[in-house]
């Protein structure tokens, strides 16, 4: 079974190479910008999380999706919950990898600097990520993935990239700095600070419903 996000199919469940547990599609949306009254869509996003996430969000039971979407503490709890999370990003509008990497690097750096956690180690980790994206070209339907294991696994994340070419091998890079890995997670799961409000609202609405079951 798949869900169409702006005509792009996202499987309802996936299994990663990190765990045998299936992860559920709990949030979806797009990144976009309005230019001269035209909506330019850049990426479609799917957020996959172990269903057991609801066991760690009991204090928000009974809240509406609208309320949860505005509650950054709720998304902090999602990020810190000891379950695997996986973000699947599909390119809608072609873009240079260097542009995407710069957006990610700038946001993560600014957020870490604001809480006084941007040191030499974080700078080096971010530089590796921007170098990873530097030479890539994000054709339409290219796929970027972000894998976030449970925090107990050391906070190490993994980024993957592949184009839509048949047989194209997925390229991967590990993010071994816990502060950078956590902030990348917040780029997509950061509540009101997240890069995609539609994804945040979808995740809040779906989890509000799951908490009532």
Protein backbone atom coordinates (compact mmCIF):
# COMPACT_ATOMS: atom_id res chain seq x y z
CA UNK A 1 0.00 0.00 0.00
CA UNK A 2 1.21 3.48 -0.81
CA UNK A 3 0.17 7.05 -0.05
CA UNK A 4 0.51 9.70 -2.75
CA UNK A 5 2.20 12.91 -1.61
CA UNK A 6 1.92 15.40 -4.48
CA UNK A 7 1.56 12.41 -6.86
CA UNK A 8 4.71 10.79 -5.45
CA UNK A 9 4.13 7.33 -3.93
CA UNK A 10 5.29 6.69 -0.38
CA UNK A 11 4.97 3.17 1.08
CA UNK A 12 2.80 3.02 4.19
CA UNK A 13 5.40 0.90 5.99
CA UNK A 14 9.11 0.30 5.52
CA UNK A 15 11.79 -1.83 7.13
CA UNK A 16 15.29 -0.42 7.32
CA UNK A 17 18.58 -2.27 7.65
CA UNK A 18 18.81 -1.01 11.24
CA UNK A 19 15.91 -3.02 12.64
CA UNK A 20 13.47 -5.77 11.74
CA UNK A 21 10.58 -3.71 13.09
CA UNK A 22 8.43 -2.08 10.40
CA UNK A 23 8.27 1.70 10.60
CA UNK A 24 4.95 3.41 9.87
CA UNK A 25 4.37 6.49 7.71
CA UNK A 26 3.14 8.86 10.45
CA UNK A 27 3.69 12.22 8.73
CA UNK A 28 3.97 13.58 5.22
CA UNK A 29 4.12 16.92 3.43
CA UNK A 30 6.19 19.11 1.15
CA UNK A 31 8.71 21.93 1.19
CA UNK A 32 7.74 24.88 -0.96
CA UNK A 33 8.05 28.62 -1.45
CA UNK A 34 5.70 31.21 -2.93
CA UNK A 35 7.17 33.46 -5.62
CA UNK A 36 4.96 36.08 -7.28
CA UNK A 37 1.82 34.23 -6.09
CA UNK A 38 3.08 30.94 -7.55
CA UNK A 39 3.69 27.97 -5.28
CA UNK A 40 7.02 26.33 -6.14
CA UNK A 41 7.27 22.84 -4.65
CA UNK A 42 10.75 21.47 -3.97
CA UNK A 43 10.43 18.14 -2.14
CA UNK A 44 7.90 15.62 -0.88
CA UNK A 45 8.55 14.23 2.60
CA UNK A 46 7.57 11.08 4.47
CA UNK A 47 8.26 10.58 8.19
CA UNK A 48 8.52 6.95 9.31
CA UNK A 49 8.59 6.03 13.01
CA UNK A 50 8.17 2.86 15.04
CA UNK A 51 4.50 2.65 16.09
CA UNK A 52 5.70 2.26 19.70
CA UNK A 53 6.36 6.01 19.69
CA UNK A 54 2.89 6.48 21.20
CA UNK A 55 4.06 4.73 24.39
CA UNK A 56 6.37 7.70 25.00
CA UNK A 57 3.81 10.44 24.31
CA UNK A 58 1.10 9.58 26.82
CA UNK A 59 1.03 13.01 28.45
CA UNK A 60 -0.33 14.52 25.20
CA UNK A 61 -3.26 12.11 24.94
CA UNK A 62 -6.47 13.99 24.18
CA UNK A 63 -4.76 16.97 22.55
CA UNK A 64 -5.84 17.92 19.04
CA UNK A 65 -3.50 17.82 16.06
CA UNK A 66 -3.73 21.60 15.83
CA UNK A 67 -2.62 21.99 19.45
CA UNK A 68 0.22 19.49 19.07
CA UNK A 69 1.55 21.15 15.91
CA UNK A 70 2.18 24.30 17.96
CA UNK A 71 3.77 22.47 20.91
CA UNK A 72 7.53 22.25 20.44
CA UNK A 73 7.84 20.17 23.63
CA UNK A 74 5.79 17.46 21.89
CA UNK A 75 8.30 17.26 19.03
CA UNK A 76 11.22 17.32 21.48
CA UNK A 77 9.66 14.22 23.03
CA UNK A 78 9.38 12.56 19.61
CA UNK A 79 13.04 13.26 18.85
CA UNK A 80 14.27 12.00 22.22
CA UNK A 81 12.03 8.89 22.26
CA UNK A 82 14.04 5.62 22.15
CA UNK A 83 12.66 4.49 18.79
CA UNK A 84 14.00 4.55 15.24
CA UNK A 85 12.97 7.39 12.91
CA UNK A 86 13.47 7.57 9.16
CA UNK A 87 12.90 10.54 6.85
CA UNK A 88 12.33 9.93 3.13
CA UNK A 89 12.66 13.01 0.89
CA UNK A 90 11.81 12.88 -2.83
CA UNK A 91 12.86 15.72 -5.11
CA UNK A 92 10.03 17.48 -7.00
CA UNK A 93 11.95 20.41 -8.48
CA UNK A 94 15.52 19.90 -9.66
CA UNK A 95 18.16 21.59 -7.55
CA UNK A 96 21.92 21.45 -7.14
CA UNK A 97 23.10 19.32 -4.25
CA UNK A 98 25.31 22.19 -3.14
CA UNK A 99 22.23 24.41 -2.67
CA UNK A 100 20.46 21.77 -0.58
CA UNK A 101 23.60 21.13 1.47
CA UNK A 102 24.05 24.85 2.11
CA UNK A 103 20.48 25.21 3.35
CA UNK A 104 20.94 22.28 5.71
CA UNK A 105 24.36 23.46 6.90
CA UNK A 106 23.21 27.03 7.54
CA UNK A 107 20.13 26.00 9.51
CA UNK A 108 21.95 23.42 11.65
CA UNK A 109 24.89 25.78 12.33
CA UNK A 110 22.63 28.65 13.36
CA UNK A 111 20.52 26.47 15.64
CA UNK A 112 23.57 24.94 17.34
CA UNK A 113 25.24 28.33 17.75
CA UNK A 114 22.09 29.69 19.38
CA UNK A 115 22.35 27.08 22.16
CA UNK A 116 26.17 27.32 22.37
CA UNK A 117 26.80 23.83 21.00
CA UNK A 118 28.69 24.76 17.83
CA UNK A 119 32.31 23.77 18.35
CA UNK A 120 35.11 22.48 16.12
CA UNK A 121 33.71 18.93 16.14
CA UNK A 122 30.31 20.12 14.95
CA UNK A 123 31.91 22.27 12.25
CA UNK A 124 33.89 19.30 10.94
CA UNK A 125 30.81 17.06 10.90
CA UNK A 126 28.79 19.66 9.00
CA UNK A 127 31.62 20.18 6.52
CA UNK A 128 31.59 16.47 5.68
CA UNK A 129 27.85 16.65 4.99
CA UNK A 130 28.12 19.69 2.72
CA UNK A 131 30.98 17.99 0.86
CA UNK A 132 28.81 14.89 0.45
CA UNK A 133 26.09 16.93 -1.28
CA UNK A 134 28.46 19.28 -3.13
CA UNK A 135 28.90 17.31 -6.34
CA UNK A 136 25.40 15.82 -6.47
CA UNK A 137 22.62 16.99 -8.77
CA UNK A 138 19.10 16.44 -7.47
CA UNK A 139 17.13 15.43 -10.52
CA UNK A 140 13.38 15.07 -10.24
CA UNK A 141 12.52 11.94 -8.18
CA UNK A 142 16.01 11.75 -6.66
CA UNK A 143 15.80 10.32 -3.15
CA UNK A 144 17.43 11.62 0.05
CA UNK A 145 17.05 9.59 3.23
CA UNK A 146 17.87 10.32 6.84
CA UNK A 147 18.09 7.41 9.27
CA UNK A 148 17.99 8.14 12.99
CA UNK A 149 18.53 5.17 15.32
CA UNK A 150 17.36 5.33 18.94
CA UNK A 151 19.41 7.82 21.04
CA UNK A 152 20.88 4.93 23.04
CA UNK A 153 22.78 3.93 19.90
CA UNK A 154 25.05 6.94 20.28
CA UNK A 155 23.13 9.53 18.33
CA UNK A 156 24.73 8.45 15.05
CA UNK A 157 22.63 9.15 11.97
CA UNK A 158 23.03 8.15 8.34
CA UNK A 159 22.24 10.12 5.18
CA UNK A 160 21.61 8.39 1.86
CA UNK A 161 21.22 9.68 -1.68
CA UNK A 162 20.27 8.07 -4.97
CA UNK A 163 18.87 9.29 -8.29
CA UNK A 164 16.00 7.55 -10.08
CA UNK A 165 18.36 5.75 -12.47
CA UNK A 166 17.84 2.00 -12.52
CA UNK A 167 20.66 0.25 -10.76
CA UNK A 168 22.05 3.45 -9.26
CA UNK A 169 23.83 2.56 -6.05
CA UNK A 170 22.75 4.50 -2.99
CA UNK A 171 25.52 6.73 -1.65
CA UNK A 172 25.70 7.05 2.12
CA UNK A 173 27.46 9.09 4.78
CA UNK A 174 27.41 8.66 8.56
CA UNK A 175 26.79 11.62 10.85
CA UNK A 176 28.87 10.71 13.90
CA UNK A 177 28.40 13.94 15.86
CA UNK A 178 25.38 13.60 18.15
CA UNK A 179 24.64 17.34 18.27
CA UNK A 180 24.61 17.64 14.49
CA UNK A 181 22.55 14.45 14.10
CA UNK A 182 19.95 15.70 16.57
CA UNK A 183 19.70 19.09 14.87
CA UNK A 184 19.29 17.52 11.42
CA UNK A 185 16.42 15.55 12.90
CA UNK A 186 14.92 18.83 14.13
CA UNK A 187 15.17 20.27 10.61
CA UNK A 188 12.35 17.90 9.66
CA UNK A 189 10.82 17.13 13.08
CA UNK A 190 11.40 20.39 14.91
CA UNK A 191 7.84 21.53 15.46
CA UNK A 192 7.38 25.23 14.71
CA UNK A 193 11.04 25.45 13.65
CA UNK A 194 10.80 22.63 11.13
CA UNK A 195 11.42 23.18 7.43
CA UNK A 196 8.01 21.82 6.39
CA UNK A 197 4.91 23.07 8.27
CA UNK A 198 2.66 20.70 6.30
CA UNK A 199 4.71 17.70 7.45
CA UNK A 200 4.64 18.87 11.06
CA UNK A 201 0.84 19.30 10.94
CA UNK A 202 0.37 15.87 9.37
CA UNK A 203 2.57 14.20 11.98
CA UNK A 204 0.74 15.99 14.82
CA UNK A 205 -2.68 15.04 13.44
CA UNK A 206 -1.80 11.38 12.92
CA UNK A 207 -0.19 11.01 16.35
CA UNK A 208 -3.14 12.77 18.02
CA UNK A 209 -5.36 10.07 16.53
CA UNK A 210 -2.99 7.25 17.45
CA UNK A 211 -2.85 8.44 21.06
CA UNK A 212 -6.62 8.03 21.34
CA UNK A 213 -6.56 4.38 20.23
